[in-house]
Amino acid sequence: MGDLARAFREEPMITITLHCVHCRSKDLVRNGQAPNGKQKYTCRSCGRHSRENPTPNAYSVGEREEILRAYQERSSLRGLQRTFGVARNTVTAWIKKSG
């Protein structure tokens, strides 16, 4: 028996079962990769899309508050974009949500 065959027999394959984050179904199919390299999935039951280990928000609450304080101190949207590296549309959405 060859070394390659012996290596495959000794290490069992690990199977991970994923569930849809929306409907908890096990009927997921792979659907490409996100720009950050994470696997994307589509649920065949509900038709919604999700990512492998999704992050809830890209910016922490502290970072948002700091950026919004800078905006309230009359910094321009383009200036915030240059300083903090956050998109103008993102800051605009935060401003609309905060009222």
PDB file of N, CA and C in Angstrom:
ATOM      1  N   MET A   1       0.839  -1.176   0.000  1.00  0.00           N
ATOM      2  CA  MET A   1       0.000   0.000   0.000  1.00  0.00           C
ATOM      3  C   MET A   1       0.886   1.241   0.000  1.00  0.00           C
ATOM      4  N   GLY A   2       0.567   2.217  -0.820  1.00  0.00           N
ATOM      5  CA  GLY A   2       1.382   3.415  -0.942  1.00  0.00           C
ATOM      6  C   GLY A   2       1.161   4.402   0.194  1.00  0.00           C
ATOM      7  N   ASP A   3       2.094   5.338   0.274  1.00  0.00           N
ATOM      8  CA  ASP A   3       2.006   6.354   1.326  1.00  0.00           C
ATOM      9  C   ASP A   3       0.766   7.234   1.170  1.00  0.00           C
ATOM     10  N   LEU A   4       0.396   7.530  -0.076  1.00  0.00           N
ATOM     11  CA  LEU A   4      -0.758   8.381  -0.337  1.00  0.00           C
ATOM     12  C   LEU A   4      -2.046   7.710   0.140  1.00  0.00           C
ATOM     13  N   ALA A   5      -2.218   6.450  -0.151  1.00  0.00           N
ATOM     14  CA  ALA A   5      -3.412   5.724   0.276  1.00  0.00           C
ATOM     15  C   ALA A   5      -3.472   5.641   1.795  1.00  0.00           C
ATOM     16  N   ARG A   6      -2.360   5.454   2.452  1.00  0.00           N
ATOM     17  CA  ARG A   6      -2.298   5.370   3.910  1.00  0.00           C
ATOM     18  C   ARG A   6      -2.683   6.721   4.542  1.00  0.00           C
ATOM     19  N   ALA A   7      -2.275   7.817   3.924  1.00  0.00           N
ATOM     20  CA  ALA A   7      -2.581   9.148   4.443  1.00  0.00           C
ATOM     21  C   ALA A   7      -4.081   9.430   4.386  1.00  0.00           C
ATOM     22  N   PHE A   8      -4.755   8.994   3.325  1.00  0.00           N
ATOM     23  CA  PHE A   8      -6.192   9.226   3.215  1.00  0.00           C
ATOM     24  C   PHE A   8      -6.983   8.364   4.186  1.00  0.00           C
ATOM     25  N   ARG A   9      -6.529   7.191   4.501  1.00  0.00           N
ATOM     26  CA  ARG A   9      -7.233   6.312   5.428  1.00  0.00           C
ATOM     27  C   ARG A   9      -7.108   6.796   6.871  1.00  0.00           C
ATOM     28  N   GLU A  10      -6.015   7.417   7.223  1.00  0.00           N
ATOM     29  CA  GLU A  10      -5.774   7.805   8.603  1.00  0.00           C
ATOM     30  C   GLU A  10      -6.537   9.057   9.006  1.00  0.00           C
ATOM     31  N   GLU A  11      -6.760   9.983   8.083  1.00  0.00           N
ATOM     32  CA  GLU A  11      -7.428  11.229   8.418  1.00  0.00           C
ATOM     33  C   GLU A  11      -8.845  11.238   7.856  1.00  0.00           C
ATOM     34  N   PRO A  12      -9.859  11.166   8.742  1.00  0.00           N
ATOM     35  CA  PRO A  12     -11.239  11.209   8.247  1.00  0.00           C
ATOM     36  C   PRO A  12     -11.603  12.617   7.775  1.00  0.00           C
ATOM     37  N   MET A  13     -12.531  12.708   6.843  1.00  0.00           N
ATOM     38  CA  MET A  13     -12.963  13.990   6.321  1.00  0.00           C
ATOM     39  C   MET A  13     -13.909  14.652   7.326  1.00  0.00           C
ATOM     40  N   ILE A  14     -13.759  15.940   7.514  1.00  0.00           N
ATOM     41  CA  ILE A  14     -14.616  16.684   8.429  1.00  0.00           C
ATOM     42  C   ILE A  14     -15.730  17.323   7.623  1.00  0.00           C
ATOM     43  N   THR A  15     -16.971  17.129   8.062  1.00  0.00           N
ATOM     44  CA  THR A  15     -18.132  17.689   7.389  1.00  0.00           C
ATOM     45  C   THR A  15     -18.763  18.746   8.288  1.00  0.00           C
ATOM     46  N   ILE A  16     -18.986  19.924   7.737  1.00  0.00           N
ATOM     47  CA  ILE A  16     -19.619  21.014   8.468  1.00  0.00           C
ATOM     48  C   ILE A  16     -20.978  21.279   7.833  1.00  0.00           C
ATOM     49  N   THR A  17     -22.035  21.236   8.639  1.00  0.00           N
ATOM     50  CA  THR A  17     -23.373  21.502   8.141  1.00  0.00           C
ATOM     51  C   THR A  17     -23.718  22.953   8.405  1.00  0.00           C
ATOM     52  N   LEU A  18     -24.067  23.672   7.342  1.00  0.00           N
ATOM     53  CA  LEU A  18     -24.429  25.081   7.455  1.00  0.00           C
ATOM     54  C   LEU A  18     -25.939  25.227   7.409  1.00  0.00           C
ATOM     55  N   HIS A  19     -26.438  26.242   8.100  1.00  0.00           N
ATOM     56  CA  HIS A  19     -27.862  26.544   8.111  1.00  0.00           C
ATOM     57  C   HIS A  19     -28.071  27.950   7.562  1.00  0.00           C
ATOM     58  N   CYS A  20     -29.203  28.159   6.917  1.00  0.00           N
ATOM     59  CA  CYS A  20     -29.568  29.487   6.433  1.00  0.00           C
ATOM     60  C   CYS A  20     -29.818  30.384   7.644  1.00  0.00           C
ATOM     61  N   VAL A  21     -29.230  31.586   7.638  1.00  0.00           N
ATOM     62  CA  VAL A  21     -29.399  32.502   8.765  1.00  0.00           C
ATOM     63  C   VAL A  21     -30.799  33.102   8.797  1.00  0.00           C
ATOM     64  N   HIS A  22     -31.558  32.971   7.705  1.00  0.00           N
ATOM     65  CA  HIS A  22     -32.881  33.569   7.629  1.00  0.00           C
ATOM     66  C   HIS A  22     -33.982  32.573   7.967  1.00  0.00           C
ATOM     67  N   CYS A  23     -33.924  31.352   7.392  1.00  0.00           N
ATOM     68  CA  CYS A  23     -34.998  30.376   7.601  1.00  0.00           C
ATOM     69  C   CYS A  23     -34.528  29.101   8.305  1.00  0.00           C
ATOM     70  N   ARG A  24     -33.241  29.004   8.640  1.00  0.00           N
ATOM     71  CA  ARG A  24     -32.636  27.870   9.352  1.00  0.00           C
ATOM     72  C   ARG A  24     -32.669  26.563   8.550  1.00  0.00           C
ATOM     73  N   SER A  25     -32.859  26.629   7.241  1.00  0.00           N
ATOM     74  CA  SER A  25     -32.848  25.455   6.382  1.00  0.00           C
ATOM     75  C   SER A  25     -31.412  24.980   6.155  1.00  0.00           C
ATOM     76  N   LYS A  26     -31.264  23.681   5.872  1.00  0.00           N
ATOM     77  CA  LYS A  26     -29.943  23.118   5.557  1.00  0.00           C
ATOM     78  C   LYS A  26     -29.695  23.090   4.052  1.00  0.00           C
ATOM     79  N   ASP A  27     -30.636  23.581   3.272  1.00  0.00           N
ATOM     80  CA  ASP A  27     -30.576  23.483   1.812  1.00  0.00           C
ATOM     81  C   ASP A  27     -29.827  24.672   1.215  1.00  0.00           C
ATOM     82  N   LEU A  28     -28.512  24.760   1.469  1.00  0.00           N
ATOM     83  CA  LEU A  28     -27.680  25.849   0.963  1.00  0.00           C
ATOM     84  C   LEU A  28     -26.798  25.361  -0.182  1.00  0.00           C
ATOM     85  N   VAL A  29     -26.575  26.232  -1.137  1.00  0.00           N
ATOM     86  CA  VAL A  29     -25.642  25.944  -2.229  1.00  0.00           C
ATOM     87  C   VAL A  29     -24.625  27.078  -2.306  1.00  0.00           C
ATOM     88  N   ARG A  30     -23.421  26.743  -2.687  1.00  0.00           N
ATOM     89  CA  ARG A  30     -22.389  27.775  -2.823  1.00  0.00           C
ATOM     90  C   ARG A  30     -22.725  28.672  -4.009  1.00  0.00           C
ATOM     91  N   ASN A  31     -22.390  29.960  -3.859  1.00  0.00           N
ATOM     92  CA  ASN A  31     -22.747  30.924  -4.896  1.00  0.00           C
ATOM     93  C   ASN A  31     -21.627  31.947  -5.061  1.00  0.00           C
ATOM     94  N   GLY A  32     -20.426  31.497  -5.352  1.00  0.00           N
ATOM     95  CA  GLY A  32     -19.314  32.407  -5.590  1.00  0.00           C
ATOM     96  C   GLY A  32     -18.643  32.859  -4.314  1.00  0.00           C
ATOM     97  N   GLN A  33     -17.767  33.859  -4.467  1.00  0.00           N
ATOM     98  CA  GLN A  33     -17.050  34.403  -3.323  1.00  0.00           C
ATOM     99  C   GLN A  33     -17.204  35.912  -3.284  1.00  0.00           C
ATOM    100  N   ALA A  34     -17.205  36.451  -2.075  1.00  0.00           N
ATOM    101  CA  ALA A  34     -17.277  37.893  -1.882  1.00  0.00           C
ATOM    102  C   ALA A  34     -15.905  38.501  -2.169  1.00  0.00           C
ATOM    103  N   PRO A  35     -15.825  39.804  -2.379  1.00  0.00           N
ATOM    104  CA  PRO A  35     -14.536  40.446  -2.642  1.00  0.00           C
ATOM    105  C   PRO A  35     -13.506  40.264  -1.520  1.00  0.00           C
ATOM    106  N   ASN A  36     -13.995  40.048  -0.289  1.00  0.00           N
ATOM    107  CA  ASN A  36     -13.059  39.833   0.818  1.00  0.00           C
ATOM    108  C   ASN A  36     -12.626  38.377   0.945  1.00  0.00           C
ATOM    109  N   GLY A  37     -13.066  37.517   0.033  1.00  0.00           N
ATOM    110  CA  GLY A  37     -12.633  36.126   0.011  1.00  0.00           C
ATOM    111  C   GLY A  37     -13.562  35.156   0.710  1.00  0.00           C
ATOM    112  N   LYS A  38     -14.614  35.639   1.349  1.00  0.00           N
ATOM    113  CA  LYS A  38     -15.539  34.746   2.053  1.00  0.00           C
ATOM    114  C   LYS A  38     -16.478  34.068   1.067  1.00  0.00           C
ATOM    115  N   GLN A  39     -16.865  32.842   1.392  1.00  0.00           N
ATOM    116  CA  GLN A  39     -17.779  32.072   0.551  1.00  0.00           C
ATOM    117  C   GLN A  39     -19.186  32.647   0.655  1.00  0.00           C
ATOM    118  N   LYS A  40     -19.873  32.763  -0.485  1.00  0.00           N
ATOM    119  CA  LYS A  40     -21.263  33.220  -0.494  1.00  0.00           C
ATOM    120  C   LYS A  40     -22.160  32.009  -0.722  1.00  0.00           C
ATOM    121  N   TYR A  41     -23.357  32.036  -0.115  1.00  0.00           N
ATOM    122  CA  TYR A  41     -24.309  30.934  -0.218  1.00  0.00           C
ATOM    123  C   TYR A  41     -25.677  31.457  -0.614  1.00  0.00           C
ATOM    124  N   THR A  42     -26.460  30.599  -1.291  1.00  0.00           N
ATOM    125  CA  THR A  42     -27.845  30.876  -1.611  1.00  0.00           C
ATOM    126  C   THR A  42     -28.688  29.763  -1.014  1.00  0.00           C
ATOM    127  N   CYS A  43     -29.771  30.132  -0.337  1.00  0.00           N
ATOM    128  CA  CYS A  43     -30.681  29.154   0.242  1.00  0.00           C
ATOM    129  C   CYS A  43     -31.702  28.755  -0.817  1.00  0.00           C
ATOM    130  N   ARG A  44     -31.866  27.473  -1.020  1.00  0.00           N
ATOM    131  CA  ARG A  44     -32.845  27.014  -2.005  1.00  0.00           C
ATOM    132  C   ARG A  44     -34.265  27.065  -1.456  1.00  0.00           C
ATOM    133  N   SER A  45     -34.410  27.102  -0.146  1.00  0.00           N
ATOM    134  CA  SER A  45     -35.743  27.147   0.453  1.00  0.00           C
ATOM    135  C   SER A  45     -36.347  28.541   0.380  1.00  0.00           C
ATOM    136  N   CYS A  46     -35.604  29.551   0.865  1.00  0.00           N
ATOM    137  CA  CYS A  46     -36.160  30.908   0.896  1.00  0.00           C
ATOM    138  C   CYS A  46     -35.596  31.808  -0.203  1.00  0.00           C
ATOM    139  N   GLY A  47     -34.522  31.373  -0.888  1.00  0.00           N
ATOM    140  CA  GLY A  47     -33.970  32.141  -1.998  1.00  0.00           C
ATOM    141  C   GLY A  47     -33.091  33.306  -1.588  1.00  0.00           C
ATOM    142  N   ARG A  48     -32.801  33.445  -0.300  1.00  0.00           N
ATOM    143  CA  ARG A  48     -31.996  34.573   0.160  1.00  0.00           C
ATOM    144  C   ARG A  48     -30.523  34.208   0.137  1.00  0.00           C
ATOM    145  N   HIS A  49     -29.681  35.247   0.148  1.00  0.00           N
ATOM    146  CA  HIS A  49     -28.239  35.072   0.071  1.00  0.00           C
ATOM    147  C   HIS A  49     -27.606  35.383   1.420  1.00  0.00           C
ATOM    148  N   SER A  50     -26.484  34.718   1.694  1.00  0.00           N
ATOM    149  CA  SER A  50     -25.738  35.010   2.919  1.00  0.00           C
ATOM    150  C   SER A  50     -24.271  34.701   2.669  1.00  0.00           C
ATOM    151  N   ARG A  51     -23.448  35.089   3.639  1.00  0.00           N
ATOM    152  CA  ARG A  51     -22.014  34.850   3.558  1.00  0.00           C
ATOM    153  C   ARG A  51     -21.565  33.950   4.682  1.00  0.00           C
ATOM    154  N   GLU A  52     -20.399  33.386   4.505  1.00  0.00           N
ATOM    155  CA  GLU A  52     -19.792  32.581   5.544  1.00  0.00           C
ATOM    156  C   GLU A  52     -19.304  33.517   6.658  1.00  0.00           C
ATOM    157  N   ASN A  53     -19.729  33.295   7.877  1.00  0.00           N
ATOM    158  CA  ASN A  53     -19.368  34.102   9.047  1.00  0.00           C
ATOM    159  C   ASN A  53     -19.532  35.594   8.775  1.00  0.00           C
ATOM    160  N   PRO A  54     -20.761  36.077   8.579  1.00  0.00           N
ATOM    161  CA  PRO A  54     -20.957  37.494   8.276  1.00  0.00           C
ATOM    162  C   PRO A  54     -20.650  38.370   9.492  1.00  0.00           C
ATOM    163  N   THR A  55     -20.113  39.545   9.216  1.00  0.00           N
ATOM    164  CA  THR A  55     -19.866  40.505  10.291  1.00  0.00           C
ATOM    165  C   THR A  55     -21.065  41.444  10.352  1.00  0.00           C
ATOM    166  N   PRO A  56     -21.521  41.807  11.552  1.00  0.00           N
ATOM    167  CA  PRO A  56     -22.728  42.610  11.649  1.00  0.00           C
ATOM    168  C   PRO A  56     -22.560  44.027  11.105  1.00  0.00           C
ATOM    169  N   ASN A  57     -21.490  44.719  11.456  1.00  0.00           N
ATOM    170  CA  ASN A  57     -21.251  46.086  10.982  1.00  0.00           C
ATOM    171  C   ASN A  57     -19.757  46.263  10.735  1.00  0.00           C
ATOM    172  N   ALA A  58     -19.452  47.043   9.720  1.00  0.00           N
ATOM    173  CA  ALA A  58     -18.044  47.267   9.408  1.00  0.00           C
ATOM    174  C   ALA A  58     -17.421  48.290  10.346  1.00  0.00           C
ATOM    175  N   TYR A  59     -18.221  49.207  10.868  1.00  0.00           N
ATOM    176  CA  TYR A  59     -17.711  50.256  11.746  1.00  0.00           C
ATOM    177  C   TYR A  59     -18.308  50.081  13.137  1.00  0.00           C
ATOM    178  N   SER A  60     -17.486  50.218  14.153  1.00  0.00           N
ATOM    179  CA  SER A  60     -17.980  50.104  15.520  1.00  0.00           C
ATOM    180  C   SER A  60     -18.781  51.356  15.877  1.00  0.00           C
ATOM    181  N   VAL A  61     -19.505  51.276  16.970  1.00  0.00           N
ATOM    182  CA  VAL A  61     -20.321  52.409  17.414  1.00  0.00           C
ATOM    183  C   VAL A  61     -19.432  53.609  17.730  1.00  0.00           C
ATOM    184  N   GLY A  62     -18.277  53.361  18.336  1.00  0.00           N
ATOM    185  CA  GLY A  62     -17.348  54.451  18.648  1.00  0.00           C
ATOM    186  C   GLY A  62     -16.836  55.160  17.410  1.00  0.00           C
ATOM    187  N   GLU A  63     -16.507  54.383  16.377  1.00  0.00           N
ATOM    188  CA  GLU A  63     -16.033  54.986  15.123  1.00  0.00           C
ATOM    189  C   GLU A  63     -17.134  55.824  14.473  1.00  0.00           C
ATOM    190  N   ARG A  64     -18.362  55.315  14.489  1.00  0.00           N
ATOM    191  CA  ARG A  64     -19.479  56.069  13.911  1.00  0.00           C
ATOM    192  C   ARG A  64     -19.670  57.392  14.637  1.00  0.00           C
ATOM    193  N   GLU A  65     -19.654  57.328  15.968  1.00  0.00           N
ATOM    194  CA  GLU A  65     -19.858  58.552  16.741  1.00  0.00           C
ATOM    195  C   GLU A  65     -18.757  59.572  16.479  1.00  0.00           C
ATOM    196  N   GLU A  66     -17.521  59.097  16.363  1.00  0.00           N
ATOM    197  CA  GLU A  66     -16.404  60.003  16.089  1.00  0.00           C
ATOM    198  C   GLU A  66     -16.564  60.674  14.726  1.00  0.00           C
ATOM    199  N   ILE A  67     -16.955  59.913  13.732  1.00  0.00           N
ATOM    200  CA  ILE A  67     -17.132  60.460  12.383  1.00  0.00           C
ATOM    201  C   ILE A  67     -18.307  61.440  12.352  1.00  0.00           C
ATOM    202  N   LEU A  68     -19.401  61.101  13.023  1.00  0.00           N
ATOM    203  CA  LEU A  68     -20.556  62.003  13.049  1.00  0.00           C
ATOM    204  C   LEU A  68     -20.252  63.285  13.825  1.00  0.00           C
ATOM    205  N   ARG A  69     -19.441  63.199  14.893  1.00  0.00           N
ATOM    206  CA  ARG A  69     -19.030  64.409  15.619  1.00  0.00           C
ATOM    207  C   ARG A  69     -18.195  65.309  14.713  1.00  0.00           C
ATOM    208  N   ALA A  70     -17.298  64.701  13.925  1.00  0.00           N
ATOM    209  CA  ALA A  70     -16.488  65.487  12.996  1.00  0.00           C
ATOM    210  C   ALA A  70     -17.377  66.156  11.950  1.00  0.00           C
ATOM    211  N   TYR A  71     -18.436  65.470  11.518  1.00  0.00           N
ATOM    212  CA  TYR A  71     -19.366  66.063  10.548  1.00  0.00           C
ATOM    213  C   TYR A  71     -20.115  67.242  11.177  1.00  0.00           C
ATOM    214  N   GLN A  72     -20.513  67.085  12.443  1.00  0.00           N
ATOM    215  CA  GLN A  72     -21.231  68.164  13.129  1.00  0.00           C
ATOM    216  C   GLN A  72     -20.345  69.381  13.359  1.00  0.00           C
ATOM    217  N   GLU A  73     -19.041  69.171  13.378  1.00  0.00           N
ATOM    218  CA  GLU A  73     -18.100  70.287  13.524  1.00  0.00           C
ATOM    219  C   GLU A  73     -17.743  70.892  12.173  1.00  0.00           C
ATOM    220  N   ARG A  74     -18.608  70.707  11.201  1.00  0.00           N
ATOM    221  CA  ARG A  74     -18.504  71.319   9.876  1.00  0.00           C
ATOM    222  C   ARG A  74     -17.429  70.734   8.969  1.00  0.00           C
ATOM    223  N   SER A  75     -17.061  69.472   9.171  1.00  0.00           N
ATOM    224  CA  SER A  75     -16.184  68.818   8.200  1.00  0.00           C
ATOM    225  C   SER A  75     -17.035  68.421   6.989  1.00  0.00           C
ATOM    226  N   SER A  76     -16.472  68.531   5.823  1.00  0.00           N
ATOM    227  CA  SER A  76     -17.215  68.162   4.617  1.00  0.00           C
ATOM    228  C   SER A  76     -17.237  66.643   4.471  1.00  0.00           C
ATOM    229  N   LEU A  77     -18.174  66.160   3.664  1.00  0.00           N
ATOM    230  CA  LEU A  77     -18.256  64.717   3.419  1.00  0.00           C
ATOM    231  C   LEU A  77     -16.989  64.203   2.738  1.00  0.00           C
ATOM    232  N   ARG A  78     -16.470  64.975   1.805  1.00  0.00           N
ATOM    233  CA  ARG A  78     -15.238  64.566   1.132  1.00  0.00           C
ATOM    234  C   ARG A  78     -14.050  64.592   2.081  1.00  0.00           C
ATOM    235  N   GLY A  79     -14.055  65.555   3.003  1.00  0.00           N
ATOM    236  CA  GLY A  79     -12.999  65.600   4.011  1.00  0.00           C
ATOM    237  C   GLY A  79     -13.053  64.394   4.934  1.00  0.00           C
ATOM    238  N   LEU A  80     -14.269  63.978   5.314  1.00  0.00           N
ATOM    239  CA  LEU A  80     -14.426  62.778   6.142  1.00  0.00           C
ATOM    240  C   LEU A  80     -13.963  61.538   5.387  1.00  0.00           C
ATOM    241  N   GLN A  81     -14.244  61.529   4.101  1.00  0.00           N
ATOM    242  CA  GLN A  81     -13.822  60.401   3.271  1.00  0.00           C
ATOM    243  C   GLN A  81     -12.301  60.300   3.241  1.00  0.00           C
ATOM    244  N   ARG A  82     -11.635  61.428   3.096  1.00  0.00           N
ATOM    245  CA  ARG A  82     -10.169  61.424   3.074  1.00  0.00           C
ATOM    246  C   ARG A  82      -9.582  61.086   4.443  1.00  0.00           C
ATOM    247  N   THR A  83     -10.150  61.666   5.488  1.00  0.00           N
ATOM    248  CA  THR A  83      -9.594  61.504   6.831  1.00  0.00           C
ATOM    249  C   THR A  83      -9.819  60.110   7.399  1.00  0.00           C
ATOM    250  N   PHE A  84     -11.062  59.631   7.321  1.00  0.00           N
ATOM    251  CA  PHE A  84     -11.419  58.370   7.968  1.00  0.00           C
ATOM    252  C   PHE A  84     -11.487  57.188   7.012  1.00  0.00           C
ATOM    253  N   GLY A  85     -11.520  57.438   5.708  1.00  0.00           N
ATOM    254  CA  GLY A  85     -11.598  56.350   4.738  1.00  0.00           C
ATOM    255  C   GLY A  85     -12.978  55.728   4.648  1.00  0.00           C
ATOM    256  N   VAL A  86     -13.995  56.492   4.987  1.00  0.00           N
ATOM    257  CA  VAL A  86     -15.369  56.003   4.936  1.00  0.00           C
ATOM    258  C   VAL A  86     -16.079  56.663   3.750  1.00  0.00           C
ATOM    259  N   ALA A  87     -16.922  55.918   3.071  1.00  0.00           N
ATOM    260  CA  ALA A  87     -17.596  56.432   1.881  1.00  0.00           C
ATOM    261  C   ALA A  87     -18.595  57.524   2.241  1.00  0.00           C
ATOM    262  N   ARG A  88     -18.758  58.479   1.338  1.00  0.00           N
ATOM    263  CA  ARG A  88     -19.705  59.582   1.563  1.00  0.00           C
ATOM    264  C   ARG A  88     -21.121  59.064   1.723  1.00  0.00           C
ATOM    265  N   ASN A  89     -21.488  58.062   0.935  1.00  0.00           N
ATOM    266  CA  ASN A  89     -22.842  57.504   1.020  1.00  0.00           C
ATOM    267  C   ASN A  89     -23.094  56.865   2.382  1.00  0.00           C
ATOM    268  N   THR A  90     -22.079  56.266   2.958  1.00  0.00           N
ATOM    269  CA  THR A  90     -22.213  55.670   4.282  1.00  0.00           C
ATOM    270  C   THR A  90     -22.475  56.737   5.322  1.00  0.00           C
ATOM    271  N   VAL A  91     -21.710  57.823   5.284  1.00  0.00           N
ATOM    272  CA  VAL A  91     -21.905  58.917   6.239  1.00  0.00           C
ATOM    273  C   VAL A  91     -23.287  59.537   6.042  1.00  0.00           C
ATOM    274  N   THR A  92     -23.708  59.700   4.815  1.00  0.00           N
ATOM    275  CA  THR A  92     -25.027  60.260   4.534  1.00  0.00           C
ATOM    276  C   THR A  92     -26.123  59.377   5.125  1.00  0.00           C
ATOM    277  N   ALA A  93     -25.985  58.059   4.989  1.00  0.00           N
ATOM    278  CA  ALA A  93     -26.974  57.130   5.556  1.00  0.00           C
ATOM    279  C   ALA A  93     -26.999  57.230   7.080  1.00  0.00           C
ATOM    280  N   TRP A  94     -25.840  57.361   7.707  1.00  0.00           N
ATOM    281  CA  TRP A  94     -25.779  57.506   9.175  1.00  0.00           C
ATOM    282  C   TRP A  94     -26.464  58.789   9.613  1.00  0.00           C
ATOM    283  N   ILE A  95     -26.267  59.869   8.849  1.00  0.00           N
ATOM    284  CA  ILE A  95     -26.867  61.164   9.191  1.00  0.00           C
ATOM    285  C   ILE A  95     -28.383  61.066   9.104  1.00  0.00           C
ATOM    286  N   LYS A  96     -28.895  60.405   8.063  1.00  0.00           N
ATOM    287  CA  LYS A  96     -30.343  60.250   7.906  1.00  0.00           C
ATOM    288  C   LYS A  96     -30.925  59.410   9.030  1.00  0.00           C
ATOM    289  N   LYS A  97     -30.212  58.365   9.464  1.00  0.00           N
ATOM    290  CA  LYS A  97     -30.711  57.514  10.548  1.00  0.00           C
ATOM    291  C   LYS A  97     -30.724  58.240  11.885  1.00  0.00           C
ATOM    292  N   SER A  98     -29.698  59.068  12.118  1.00  0.00           N
ATOM    293  CA  SER A  98     -29.613  59.749  13.400  1.00  0.00           C
ATOM    294  C   SER A  98     -30.616  60.890  13.533  1.00  0.00           C
ATOM    295  N   GLY A  99     -31.114  61.351  12.420  1.00  0.00           N
ATOM    296  CA  GLY A  99     -32.154  62.366  12.449  1.00  0.00           C
ATOM    297  C   GLY A  99     -31.628  63.700  12.395  1.00  0.00           C
TER     298      GLY A  99
END
